[in-house]
Structures are given as structure tokens and as C-alpha cells.
Amino acid sequence: LHPGFNYPPDSKKARFATEGTSRMKEYCAEHDVPCDELGVL
């Protein structure tokens, strides 16, 4: 899950990635899908 730092501000990619990361984490928690917030270097 890419949190959105690599996409130009105000772009579709940035909006979908930032919102998508947050929503995916909630969805995985609700539906027991494995999801580990590890961070990226």
C-alpha cells in the first residue's frame, strides 16, 4: 500500500493513493485480511 508521497499534489494518483491506503487498512481490519503497517525506507 503506497501512501502517496511519490505522486504530484492534486493528481488523481495522489488522491486515490492517500485515500486508498487509509480505506484499505480499515477494510482489511473489518474483513480479517492480513495487513501489516511496516513503513517504507
PDB file of all heavy atoms in Angstrom:
ATOM      1  N   LEU A   1       0.866  -1.177   0.000  1.00  0.00           N
ATOM      2  CA  LEU A   1       0.000   0.000   0.000  1.00  0.00           C
ATOM      3  C   LEU A   1       0.901   1.225   0.000  1.00  0.00           C
ATOM      4  O   LEU A   1       1.661   1.466   0.940  1.00  0.00           O
ATOM      5  CB  LEU A   1      -0.907   0.013   1.231  1.00  0.00           C
ATOM      6  CG  LEU A   1      -1.861  -1.169   1.398  1.00  0.00           C
ATOM      7  CD1 LEU A   1      -2.775  -0.945   2.591  1.00  0.00           C
ATOM      8  CD2 LEU A   1      -2.683  -1.404   0.134  1.00  0.00           C
ATOM      9  N   HIS A   2       0.829   2.009  -1.084  1.00  0.00           N
ATOM     10  CA  HIS A   2       1.687   3.182  -1.258  1.00  0.00           C
ATOM     11  C   HIS A   2       0.975   4.418  -0.710  1.00  0.00           C
ATOM     12  O   HIS A   2      -0.074   4.804  -1.232  1.00  0.00           O
ATOM     13  CB  HIS A   2       2.000   3.378  -2.741  1.00  0.00           C
ATOM     14  CG  HIS A   2       2.723   2.228  -3.364  1.00  0.00           C
ATOM     15  ND1 HIS A   2       4.092   2.118  -3.330  1.00  0.00           N
ATOM     16  CD2 HIS A   2       2.270   1.123  -4.022  1.00  0.00           C
ATOM     17  CE1 HIS A   2       4.464   1.003  -3.941  1.00  0.00           C
ATOM     18  NE2 HIS A   2       3.373   0.377  -4.370  1.00  0.00           N
ATOM     19  N   PRO A   3       1.522   5.063   0.313  1.00  0.00           N
ATOM     20  CA  PRO A   3       0.769   6.135   0.978  1.00  0.00           C
ATOM     21  C   PRO A   3       0.639   7.425   0.197  1.00  0.00           C
ATOM     22  O   PRO A   3      -0.142   8.289   0.566  1.00  0.00           O
ATOM     23  CB  PRO A   3       1.565   6.362   2.271  1.00  0.00           C
ATOM     24  CG  PRO A   3       2.945   5.897   1.960  1.00  0.00           C
ATOM     25  CD  PRO A   3       2.788   4.755   0.995  1.00  0.00           C
ATOM     26  N   GLY A   4       1.403   7.618  -0.891  1.00  0.00           N
ATOM     27  CA  GLY A   4       1.138   8.766  -1.753  1.00  0.00           C
ATOM     28  C   GLY A   4       2.208   9.833  -1.797  1.00  0.00           C
ATOM     29  O   GLY A   4       1.977  10.906  -2.363  1.00  0.00           O
ATOM     30  N   PHE A   5       3.398   9.580  -1.276  1.00  0.00           N
ATOM     31  CA  PHE A   5       4.452  10.606  -1.314  1.00  0.00           C
ATOM     32  C   PHE A   5       5.100  10.713  -2.690  1.00  0.00           C
ATOM     33  O   PHE A   5       5.795  11.695  -2.972  1.00  0.00           O
ATOM     34  CB  PHE A   5       5.531  10.315  -0.269  1.00  0.00           C
ATOM     35  CG  PHE A   5       6.214   8.983  -0.427  1.00  0.00           C
ATOM     36  CD1 PHE A   5       7.254   8.811  -1.327  1.00  0.00           C
ATOM     37  CD2 PHE A   5       5.811   7.898   0.326  1.00  0.00           C
ATOM     38  CE1 PHE A   5       7.881   7.587  -1.476  1.00  0.00           C
ATOM     39  CE2 PHE A   5       6.437   6.660   0.190  1.00  0.00           C
ATOM     40  CZ  PHE A   5       7.471   6.514  -0.720  1.00  0.00           C
ATOM     41  N   ASN A   6       4.896   9.724  -3.549  1.00  0.00           N
ATOM     42  CA  ASN A   6       5.596   9.688  -4.836  1.00  0.00           C
ATOM     43  C   ASN A   6       4.760  10.246  -5.982  1.00  0.00           C
ATOM     44  O   ASN A   6       5.131  10.062  -7.134  1.00  0.00           O
ATOM     45  CB  ASN A   6       6.015   8.242  -5.154  1.00  0.00           C
ATOM     46  CG  ASN A   6       7.045   8.168  -6.277  1.00  0.00           C
ATOM     47  OD1 ASN A   6       7.821   9.105  -6.463  1.00  0.00           O
ATOM     48  ND2 ASN A   6       7.033   7.093  -7.033  1.00  0.00           N
ATOM     49  N   TYR A   7       3.659  10.941  -5.665  1.00  0.00           N
ATOM     50  CA  TYR A   7       2.758  11.397  -6.721  1.00  0.00           C
ATOM     51  C   TYR A   7       2.533  12.897  -6.612  1.00  0.00           C
ATOM     52  O   TYR A   7       2.432  13.450  -5.504  1.00  0.00           O
ATOM     53  CB  TYR A   7       1.435  10.638  -6.649  1.00  0.00           C
ATOM     54  CG  TYR A   7       1.654   9.148  -6.570  1.00  0.00           C
ATOM     55  CD1 TYR A   7       1.272   8.417  -5.447  1.00  0.00           C
ATOM     56  CD2 TYR A   7       2.294   8.463  -7.598  1.00  0.00           C
ATOM     57  CE1 TYR A   7       1.506   7.058  -5.360  1.00  0.00           C
ATOM     58  CE2 TYR A   7       2.551   7.106  -7.521  1.00  0.00           C
ATOM     59  CZ  TYR A   7       2.143   6.407  -6.392  1.00  0.00           C
ATOM     60  OH  TYR A   7       2.394   5.066  -6.300  1.00  0.00           O
ATOM     61  N   PRO A   8       2.459  13.589  -7.755  1.00  0.00           N
ATOM     62  CA  PRO A   8       2.324  15.045  -7.742  1.00  0.00           C
ATOM     63  C   PRO A   8       1.069  15.490  -6.988  1.00  0.00           C
ATOM     64  O   PRO A   8       0.007  14.873  -7.124  1.00  0.00           O
ATOM     65  CB  PRO A   8       2.216  15.403  -9.230  1.00  0.00           C
ATOM     66  CG  PRO A   8       2.844  14.241  -9.948  1.00  0.00           C
ATOM     67  CD  PRO A   8       2.546  13.041  -9.124  1.00  0.00           C
ATOM     68  N   PRO A   9       1.169  16.538  -6.187  1.00  0.00           N
ATOM     69  CA  PRO A   9      -0.008  17.056  -5.473  1.00  0.00           C
ATOM     70  C   PRO A   9      -1.134  17.405  -6.434  1.00  0.00           C
ATOM     71  O   PRO A   9      -0.908  17.837  -7.564  1.00  0.00           O
ATOM     72  CB  PRO A   9       0.537  18.306  -4.778  1.00  0.00           C
ATOM     73  CG  PRO A   9       2.006  18.047  -4.637  1.00  0.00           C
ATOM     74  CD  PRO A   9       2.400  17.262  -5.850  1.00  0.00           C
ATOM     75  N   ASP A  10      -2.355  17.161  -5.976  1.00  0.00           N
ATOM     76  CA  ASP A  10      -3.579  17.441  -6.744  1.00  0.00           C
ATOM     77  C   ASP A  10      -3.785  16.493  -7.919  1.00  0.00           C
ATOM     78  O   ASP A  10      -4.729  16.675  -8.701  1.00  0.00           O
ATOM     79  CB  ASP A  10      -3.591  18.894  -7.266  1.00  0.00           C
ATOM     80  CG  ASP A  10      -3.512  19.920  -6.144  1.00  0.00           C
ATOM     81  OD1 ASP A  10      -4.149  19.680  -5.099  1.00  0.00           O
ATOM     82  OD2 ASP A  10      -2.810  20.925  -6.307  1.00  0.00           O
ATOM     83  N   SER A  11      -2.936  15.471  -8.066  1.00  0.00           N
ATOM     84  CA  SER A  11      -3.135  14.498  -9.139  1.00  0.00           C
ATOM     85  C   SER A  11      -4.099  13.411  -8.690  1.00  0.00           C
ATOM     86  O   SER A  11      -4.322  13.200  -7.490  1.00  0.00           O
ATOM     87  CB  SER A  11      -1.798  13.859  -9.545  1.00  0.00           C
ATOM     88  OG  SER A  11      -1.291  13.060  -8.472  1.00  0.00           O
ATOM     89  N   LYS A  12      -4.671  12.711  -9.677  1.00  0.00           N
ATOM     90  CA  LYS A  12      -5.555  11.588  -9.350  1.00  0.00           C
ATOM     91  C   LYS A  12      -4.802  10.517  -8.572  1.00  0.00           C
ATOM     92  O   LYS A  12      -5.323   9.942  -7.619  1.00  0.00           O
ATOM     93  CB  LYS A  12      -6.126  10.980 -10.635  1.00  0.00           C
ATOM     94  CG  LYS A  12      -7.161  11.830 -11.351  1.00  0.00           C
ATOM     95  CD  LYS A  12      -7.647  11.131 -12.609  1.00  0.00           C
ATOM     96  CE  LYS A  12      -8.654  11.963 -13.367  1.00  0.00           C
ATOM     97  NZ  LYS A  12      -9.097  11.276 -14.622  1.00  0.00           N
ATOM     98  N   LYS A  13      -3.562  10.263  -8.972  1.00  0.00           N
ATOM     99  CA  LYS A  13      -2.774   9.244  -8.285  1.00  0.00           C
ATOM    100  C   LYS A  13      -2.607   9.585  -6.814  1.00  0.00           C
ATOM    101  O   LYS A  13      -2.734   8.719  -5.941  1.00  0.00           O
ATOM    102  CB  LYS A  13      -1.403   9.102  -8.942  1.00  0.00           C
ATOM    103  CG  LYS A  13      -1.342   8.134 -10.100  1.00  0.00           C
ATOM    104  CD  LYS A  13       0.099   7.827 -10.443  1.00  0.00           C
ATOM    105  CE  LYS A  13       0.197   6.747 -11.500  1.00  0.00           C
ATOM    106  NZ  LYS A  13       1.579   6.329 -11.760  1.00  0.00           N
ATOM    107  N   ALA A  14      -2.264  10.841  -6.526  1.00  0.00           N
ATOM    108  CA  ALA A  14      -2.052  11.244  -5.139  1.00  0.00           C
ATOM    109  C   ALA A  14      -3.332  11.094  -4.325  1.00  0.00           C
ATOM    110  O   ALA A  14      -3.326  10.562  -3.210  1.00  0.00           O
ATOM    111  CB  ALA A  14      -1.552  12.684  -5.093  1.00  0.00           C
ATOM    112  N   ARG A  15      -4.432  11.556  -4.892  1.00  0.00           N
ATOM    113  CA  ARG A  15      -5.711  11.488  -4.156  1.00  0.00           C
ATOM    114  C   ARG A  15      -6.137  10.056  -3.926  1.00  0.00           C
ATOM    115  O   ARG A  15      -6.519   9.674  -2.806  1.00  0.00           O
ATOM    116  CB  ARG A  15      -6.799  12.244  -4.937  1.00  0.00           C
ATOM    117  CG  ARG A  15      -8.172  12.197  -4.256  1.00  0.00           C
ATOM    118  CD  ARG A  15      -9.104  13.215  -4.893  1.00  0.00           C
ATOM    119  NE  ARG A  15      -9.429  12.894  -6.267  1.00  0.00           N
ATOM    120  CZ  ARG A  15     -10.443  12.111  -6.617  1.00  0.00           C
ATOM    121  NH1 ARG A  15     -11.203  11.547  -5.691  1.00  0.00           N
ATOM    122  NH2 ARG A  15     -10.699  11.886  -7.891  1.00  0.00           N
ATOM    123  N   PHE A  16      -6.077   9.231  -4.978  1.00  0.00           N
ATOM    124  CA  PHE A  16      -6.507   7.843  -4.833  1.00  0.00           C
ATOM    125  C   PHE A  16      -5.571   7.055  -3.913  1.00  0.00           C
ATOM    126  O   PHE A  16      -6.009   6.182  -3.165  1.00  0.00           O
ATOM    127  CB  PHE A  16      -6.578   7.161  -6.200  1.00  0.00           C
ATOM    128  CG  PHE A  16      -7.727   7.616  -7.060  1.00  0.00           C
ATOM    129  CD1 PHE A  16      -7.593   7.713  -8.438  1.00  0.00           C
ATOM    130  CD2 PHE A  16      -8.954   7.926  -6.497  1.00  0.00           C
ATOM    131  CE1 PHE A  16      -8.648   8.120  -9.240  1.00  0.00           C
ATOM    132  CE2 PHE A  16     -10.029   8.338  -7.285  1.00  0.00           C
ATOM    133  CZ  PHE A  16      -9.883   8.432  -8.653  1.00  0.00           C
ATOM    134  N   ALA A  17      -4.262   7.353  -3.947  1.00  0.00           N
ATOM    135  CA  ALA A  17      -3.316   6.602  -3.124  1.00  0.00           C
ATOM    136  C   ALA A  17      -3.465   6.937  -1.650  1.00  0.00           C
ATOM    137  O   ALA A  17      -3.481   6.039  -0.794  1.00  0.00           O
ATOM    138  CB  ALA A  17      -1.879   6.863  -3.587  1.00  0.00           C
ATOM    139  N   THR A  18      -3.547   8.217  -1.324  1.00  0.00           N
ATOM    140  CA  THR A  18      -3.650   8.596   0.082  1.00  0.00           C
ATOM    141  C   THR A  18      -4.965   8.112   0.679  1.00  0.00           C
ATOM    142  O   THR A  18      -4.993   7.527   1.765  1.00  0.00           O
ATOM    143  CB  THR A  18      -3.523  10.117   0.256  1.00  0.00           C
ATOM    144  OG1 THR A  18      -4.459  10.784  -0.616  1.00  0.00           O
ATOM    145  CG2 THR A  18      -2.123  10.590  -0.104  1.00  0.00           C
ATOM    146  N   GLU A  19      -6.054   8.340  -0.041  1.00  0.00           N
ATOM    147  CA  GLU A  19      -7.348   7.862   0.450  1.00  0.00           C
ATOM    148  C   GLU A  19      -7.403   6.340   0.435  1.00  0.00           C
ATOM    149  O   GLU A  19      -7.938   5.708   1.354  1.00  0.00           O
ATOM    150  CB  GLU A  19      -8.476   8.439  -0.408  1.00  0.00           C
ATOM    151  CG  GLU A  19      -9.863   8.020   0.062  1.00  0.00           C
ATOM    152  CD  GLU A  19     -10.976   8.539  -0.836  1.00  0.00           C
ATOM    153  OE1 GLU A  19     -10.739   9.485  -1.624  1.00  0.00           O
ATOM    154  OE2 GLU A  19     -12.095   7.984  -0.756  1.00  0.00           O
ATOM    155  N   GLY A  20      -6.846   5.750  -0.608  1.00  0.00           N
ATOM    156  CA  GLY A  20      -6.892   4.304  -0.747  1.00  0.00           C
ATOM    157  C   GLY A  20      -6.140   3.589   0.351  1.00  0.00           C
ATOM    158  O   GLY A  20      -6.588   2.538   0.857  1.00  0.00           O
ATOM    159  N   THR A  21      -4.978   4.115   0.749  1.00  0.00           N
ATOM    160  CA  THR A  21      -4.207   3.484   1.820  1.00  0.00           C
ATOM    161  C   THR A  21      -5.000   3.451   3.110  1.00  0.00           C
ATOM    162  O   THR A  21      -5.079   2.420   3.790  1.00  0.00           O
ATOM    163  CB  THR A  21      -2.883   4.241   2.034  1.00  0.00           C
ATOM    164  OG1 THR A  21      -2.082   4.134   0.849  1.00  0.00           O
ATOM    165  CG2 THR A  21      -2.107   3.673   3.206  1.00  0.00           C
ATOM    166  N   SER A  22      -5.600   4.582   3.453  1.00  0.00           N
ATOM    167  CA  SER A  22      -6.383   4.652   4.686  1.00  0.00           C
ATOM    168  C   SER A  22      -7.591   3.714   4.645  1.00  0.00           C
ATOM    169  O   SER A  22      -7.853   2.962   5.594  1.00  0.00           O
ATOM    170  CB  SER A  22      -6.847   6.102   4.912  1.00  0.00           C
ATOM    171  OG  SER A  22      -7.699   6.191   6.017  1.00  0.00           O
ATOM    172  N   ARG A  23      -8.304   3.744   3.536  1.00  0.00           N
ATOM    173  CA  ARG A  23      -9.513   2.913   3.428  1.00  0.00           C
ATOM    174  C   ARG A  23      -9.185   1.430   3.373  1.00  0.00           C
ATOM    175  O   ARG A  23      -9.926   0.599   3.920  1.00  0.00           O
ATOM    176  CB  ARG A  23     -10.325   3.342   2.204  1.00  0.00           C
ATOM    177  CG  ARG A  23     -11.005   4.690   2.381  1.00  0.00           C
ATOM    178  CD  ARG A  23     -11.764   5.120   1.148  1.00  0.00           C
ATOM    179  NE  ARG A  23     -12.819   4.186   0.772  1.00  0.00           N
ATOM    180  CZ  ARG A  23     -13.673   4.390  -0.218  1.00  0.00           C
ATOM    181  NH1 ARG A  23     -13.589   5.514  -0.921  1.00  0.00           N
ATOM    182  NH2 ARG A  23     -14.597   3.502  -0.507  1.00  0.00           N
ATOM    183  N   MET A  24      -8.080   1.087   2.710  1.00  0.00           N
ATOM    184  CA  MET A  24      -7.702  -0.320   2.623  1.00  0.00           C
ATOM    185  C   MET A  24      -7.385  -0.881   4.009  1.00  0.00           C
ATOM    186  O   MET A  24      -7.766  -2.015   4.339  1.00  0.00           O
ATOM    187  CB  MET A  24      -6.497  -0.482   1.708  1.00  0.00           C
ATOM    188  CG  MET A  24      -6.003  -1.912   1.594  1.00  0.00           C
ATOM    189  SD  MET A  24      -7.018  -2.945   0.539  1.00  0.00           S
ATOM    190  CE  MET A  24      -6.315  -2.536  -1.056  1.00  0.00           C
ATOM    191  N   LYS A  25      -6.686  -0.108   4.830  1.00  0.00           N
ATOM    192  CA  LYS A  25      -6.366  -0.569   6.173  1.00  0.00           C
ATOM    193  C   LYS A  25      -7.644  -0.828   6.974  1.00  0.00           C
ATOM    194  O   LYS A  25      -7.763  -1.833   7.697  1.00  0.00           O
ATOM    195  CB  LYS A  25      -5.479   0.446   6.887  1.00  0.00           C
ATOM    196  CG  LYS A  25      -4.079   0.546   6.307  1.00  0.00           C
ATOM    197  CD  LYS A  25      -3.290   1.669   6.965  1.00  0.00           C
ATOM    198  CE  LYS A  25      -1.913   1.823   6.340  1.00  0.00           C
ATOM    199  NZ  LYS A  25      -1.170   2.974   6.903  1.00  0.00           N
ATOM    200  N   GLU A  26      -8.611   0.066   6.854  1.00  0.00           N
ATOM    201  CA  GLU A  26      -9.883  -0.125   7.548  1.00  0.00           C
ATOM    202  C   GLU A  26     -10.620  -1.352   7.016  1.00  0.00           C
ATOM    203  O   GLU A  26     -11.193  -2.134   7.787  1.00  0.00           O
ATOM    204  CB  GLU A  26     -10.759   1.122   7.381  1.00  0.00           C
ATOM    205  CG  GLU A  26     -10.214   2.366   8.071  1.00  0.00           C
ATOM    206  CD  GLU A  26     -11.058   3.595   7.783  1.00  0.00           C
ATOM    207  OE1 GLU A  26     -12.072   3.478   7.038  1.00  0.00           O
ATOM    208  OE2 GLU A  26     -10.703   4.689   8.279  1.00  0.00           O
ATOM    209  N   TYR A  27     -10.598  -1.512   5.700  1.00  0.00           N
ATOM    210  CA  TYR A  27     -11.290  -2.648   5.080  1.00  0.00           C
ATOM    211  C   TYR A  27     -10.666  -3.967   5.527  1.00  0.00           C
ATOM    212  O   TYR A  27     -11.367  -4.927   5.864  1.00  0.00           O
ATOM    213  CB  TYR A  27     -11.243  -2.529   3.561  1.00  0.00           C
ATOM    214  CG  TYR A  27     -12.110  -3.548   2.846  1.00  0.00           C
ATOM    215  CD1 TYR A  27     -13.434  -3.264   2.542  1.00  0.00           C
ATOM    216  CD2 TYR A  27     -11.608  -4.798   2.481  1.00  0.00           C
ATOM    217  CE1 TYR A  27     -14.243  -4.190   1.901  1.00  0.00           C
ATOM    218  CE2 TYR A  27     -12.399  -5.725   1.845  1.00  0.00           C
ATOM    219  CZ  TYR A  27     -13.720  -5.420   1.554  1.00  0.00           C
ATOM    220  OH  TYR A  27     -14.508  -6.357   0.936  1.00  0.00           O
ATOM    221  N   CYS A  28      -9.344  -4.013   5.526  1.00  0.00           N
ATOM    222  CA  CYS A  28      -8.655  -5.243   5.923  1.00  0.00           C
ATOM    223  C   CYS A  28      -8.947  -5.599   7.372  1.00  0.00           C
ATOM    224  O   CYS A  28      -9.144  -6.769   7.710  1.00  0.00           O
ATOM    225  CB  CYS A  28      -7.152  -5.094   5.699  1.00  0.00           C
ATOM    226  SG  CYS A  28      -6.660  -5.066   3.956  1.00  0.00           S
ATOM    227  N   ALA A  29      -8.980  -4.589   8.240  1.00  0.00           N
ATOM    228  CA  ALA A  29      -9.281  -4.842   9.646  1.00  0.00           C
ATOM    229  C   ALA A  29     -10.705  -5.370   9.808  1.00  0.00           C
ATOM    230  O   ALA A  29     -10.956  -6.294  10.592  1.00  0.00           O
ATOM    231  CB  ALA A  29      -9.092  -3.557  10.453  1.00  0.00           C
ATOM    232  N   GLU A  30     -11.630  -4.803   9.047  1.00  0.00           N
ATOM    233  CA  GLU A  30     -13.035  -5.206   9.146  1.00  0.00           C
ATOM    234  C   GLU A  30     -13.269  -6.608   8.601  1.00  0.00           C
ATOM    235  O   GLU A  30     -14.124  -7.349   9.108  1.00  0.00           O
ATOM    236  CB  GLU A  30     -13.908  -4.204   8.383  1.00  0.00           C
ATOM    237  CG  GLU A  30     -15.402  -4.503   8.431  1.00  0.00           C
ATOM    238  CD  GLU A  30     -16.228  -3.504   7.644  1.00  0.00           C
ATOM    239  OE1 GLU A  30     -15.663  -2.469   7.207  1.00  0.00           O
ATOM    240  OE2 GLU A  30     -17.437  -3.749   7.454  1.00  0.00           O
ATOM    241  N   HIS A  31     -12.500  -7.009   7.578  1.00  0.00           N
ATOM    242  CA  HIS A  31     -12.737  -8.285   6.895  1.00  0.00           C
ATOM    243  C   HIS A  31     -11.645  -9.324   7.170  1.00  0.00           C
ATOM    244  O   HIS A  31     -11.576 -10.331   6.466  1.00  0.00           O
ATOM    245  CB  HIS A  31     -12.875  -8.037   5.390  1.00  0.00           C
ATOM    246  CG  HIS A  31     -14.085  -7.229   5.021  1.00  0.00           C
ATOM    247  ND1 HIS A  31     -15.321  -7.789   4.769  1.00  0.00           N
ATOM    248  CD2 HIS A  31     -14.249  -5.883   4.887  1.00  0.00           C
ATOM    249  CE1 HIS A  31     -16.187  -6.830   4.481  1.00  0.00           C
ATOM    250  NE2 HIS A  31     -15.565  -5.662   4.538  1.00  0.00           N
ATOM    251  N   ASP A  32     -10.829  -9.080   8.173  1.00  0.00           N
ATOM    252  CA  ASP A  32      -9.787 -10.036   8.590  1.00  0.00           C
ATOM    253  C   ASP A  32      -8.812 -10.383   7.464  1.00  0.00           C
ATOM    254  O   ASP A  32      -8.407 -11.533   7.302  1.00  0.00           O
ATOM    255  CB  ASP A  32     -10.424 -11.320   9.144  1.00  0.00           C
ATOM    256  CG  ASP A  32     -11.223 -11.071  10.417  1.00  0.00           C
ATOM    257  OD1 ASP A  32     -10.764 -10.262  11.241  1.00  0.00           O
ATOM    258  OD2 ASP A  32     -12.302 -11.664  10.567  1.00  0.00           O
ATOM    259  N   VAL A  33      -8.466  -9.387   6.668  1.00  0.00           N
ATOM    260  CA  VAL A  33      -7.461  -9.559   5.620  1.00  0.00           C
ATOM    261  C   VAL A  33      -6.105  -9.149   6.196  1.00  0.00           C
ATOM    262  O   VAL A  33      -5.977  -8.067   6.766  1.00  0.00           O
ATOM    263  CB  VAL A  33      -7.788  -8.699   4.384  1.00  0.00           C
ATOM    264  CG1 VAL A  33      -6.682  -8.793   3.345  1.00  0.00           C
ATOM    265  CG2 VAL A  33      -9.119  -9.133   3.778  1.00  0.00           C
ATOM    266  N   PRO A  34      -5.072  -9.996   6.085  1.00  0.00           N
ATOM    267  CA  PRO A  34      -3.762  -9.639   6.625  1.00  0.00           C
ATOM    268  C   PRO A  34      -3.239  -8.329   6.054  1.00  0.00           C
ATOM    269  O   PRO A  34      -3.197  -8.138   4.835  1.00  0.00           O
ATOM    270  CB  PRO A  34      -2.880 -10.819   6.203  1.00  0.00           C
ATOM    271  CG  PRO A  34      -3.822 -11.969   6.061  1.00  0.00           C
ATOM    272  CD  PRO A  34      -5.082 -11.369   5.518  1.00  0.00           C
ATOM    273  N   CYS A  35      -2.846  -7.420   6.944  1.00  0.00           N
ATOM    274  CA  CYS A  35      -2.317  -6.116   6.539  1.00  0.00           C
ATOM    275  C   CYS A  35      -1.384  -5.633   7.643  1.00  0.00           C
ATOM    276  O   CYS A  35      -1.814  -5.460   8.778  1.00  0.00           O
ATOM    277  CB  CYS A  35      -3.450  -5.117   6.314  1.00  0.00           C
ATOM    278  SG  CYS A  35      -2.900  -3.461   5.805  1.00  0.00           S
ATOM    279  N   ASP A  36      -0.120  -5.439   7.309  1.00  0.00           N
ATOM    280  CA  ASP A  36       0.885  -5.015   8.280  1.00  0.00           C
ATOM    281  C   ASP A  36       1.419  -3.643   7.911  1.00  0.00           C
ATOM    282  O   ASP A  36       1.956  -3.449   6.810  1.00  0.00           O
ATOM    283  CB  ASP A  36       2.055  -6.009   8.316  1.00  0.00           C
ATOM    284  CG  ASP A  36       1.630  -7.396   8.780  1.00  0.00           C
ATOM    285  OD1 ASP A  36       0.652  -7.488   9.550  1.00  0.00           O
ATOM    286  OD2 ASP A  36       2.270  -8.380   8.367  1.00  0.00           O
ATOM    287  N   GLU A  37       1.263  -2.685   8.822  1.00  0.00           N
ATOM    288  CA  GLU A  37       1.788  -1.337   8.593  1.00  0.00           C
ATOM    289  C   GLU A  37       3.264  -1.336   8.958  1.00  0.00           C
ATOM    290  O   GLU A  37       3.639  -1.156  10.113  1.00  0.00           O
ATOM    291  CB  GLU A  37       1.014  -0.311   9.411  1.00  0.00           C
ATOM    292  CG  GLU A  37       1.381   1.124   9.063  1.00  0.00           C
ATOM    293  CD  GLU A  37       0.445   2.137   9.680  1.00  0.00           C
ATOM    294  OE1 GLU A  37      -0.655   2.342   9.137  1.00  0.00           O
ATOM    295  OE2 GLU A  37       0.809   2.712  10.724  1.00  0.00           O
ATOM    296  N   LEU A  38       4.123  -1.515   7.966  1.00  0.00           N
ATOM    297  CA  LEU A  38       5.553  -1.691   8.183  1.00  0.00           C
ATOM    298  C   LEU A  38       6.353  -0.419   7.946  1.00  0.00           C
ATOM    299  O   LEU A  38       7.438  -0.249   8.491  1.00  0.00           O
ATOM    300  CB  LEU A  38       6.090  -2.790   7.250  1.00  0.00           C
ATOM    301  CG  LEU A  38       5.474  -4.185   7.421  1.00  0.00           C
ATOM    302  CD1 LEU A  38       5.978  -5.112   6.325  1.00  0.00           C
ATOM    303  CD2 LEU A  38       5.807  -4.750   8.785  1.00  0.00           C
ATOM    304  N   GLY A  39       5.845   0.461   7.103  1.00  0.00           N
ATOM    305  CA  GLY A  39       6.617   1.618   6.686  1.00  0.00           C
ATOM    306  C   GLY A  39       7.571   1.264   5.563  1.00  0.00           C
ATOM    307  O   GLY A  39       7.879   0.097   5.325  1.00  0.00           O
ATOM    308  N   VAL A  40       8.020   2.298   4.857  1.00  0.00           N
ATOM    309  CA  VAL A  40       8.959   2.092   3.746  1.00  0.00           C
ATOM    310  C   VAL A  40      10.131   3.053   3.883  1.00  0.00           C
ATOM    311  O   VAL A  40       9.960   4.212   4.311  1.00  0.00           O
ATOM    312  CB  VAL A  40       8.263   2.277   2.375  1.00  0.00           C
ATOM    313  CG1 VAL A  40       7.745   3.696   2.201  1.00  0.00           C
ATOM    314  CG2 VAL A  40       9.210   1.924   1.234  1.00  0.00           C
ATOM    315  N   LEU A  41      11.315   2.569   3.546  1.00  0.00           N
ATOM    316  CA  LEU A  41      12.521   3.371   3.558  1.00  0.00           C
ATOM    317  C   LEU A  41      12.965   3.578   2.114  1.00  0.00           C
ATOM    318  O   LEU A  41      13.286   2.615   1.411  1.00  0.00           O
ATOM    319  CB  LEU A  41      13.614   2.645   4.348  1.00  0.00           C
ATOM    320  CG  LEU A  41      14.837   3.449   4.775  1.00  0.00           C
ATOM    321  CD1 LEU A  41      14.462   4.454   5.855  1.00  0.00           C
ATOM    322  CD2 LEU A  41      15.929   2.517   5.290  1.00  0.00           C
TER     323      LEU A  41
END
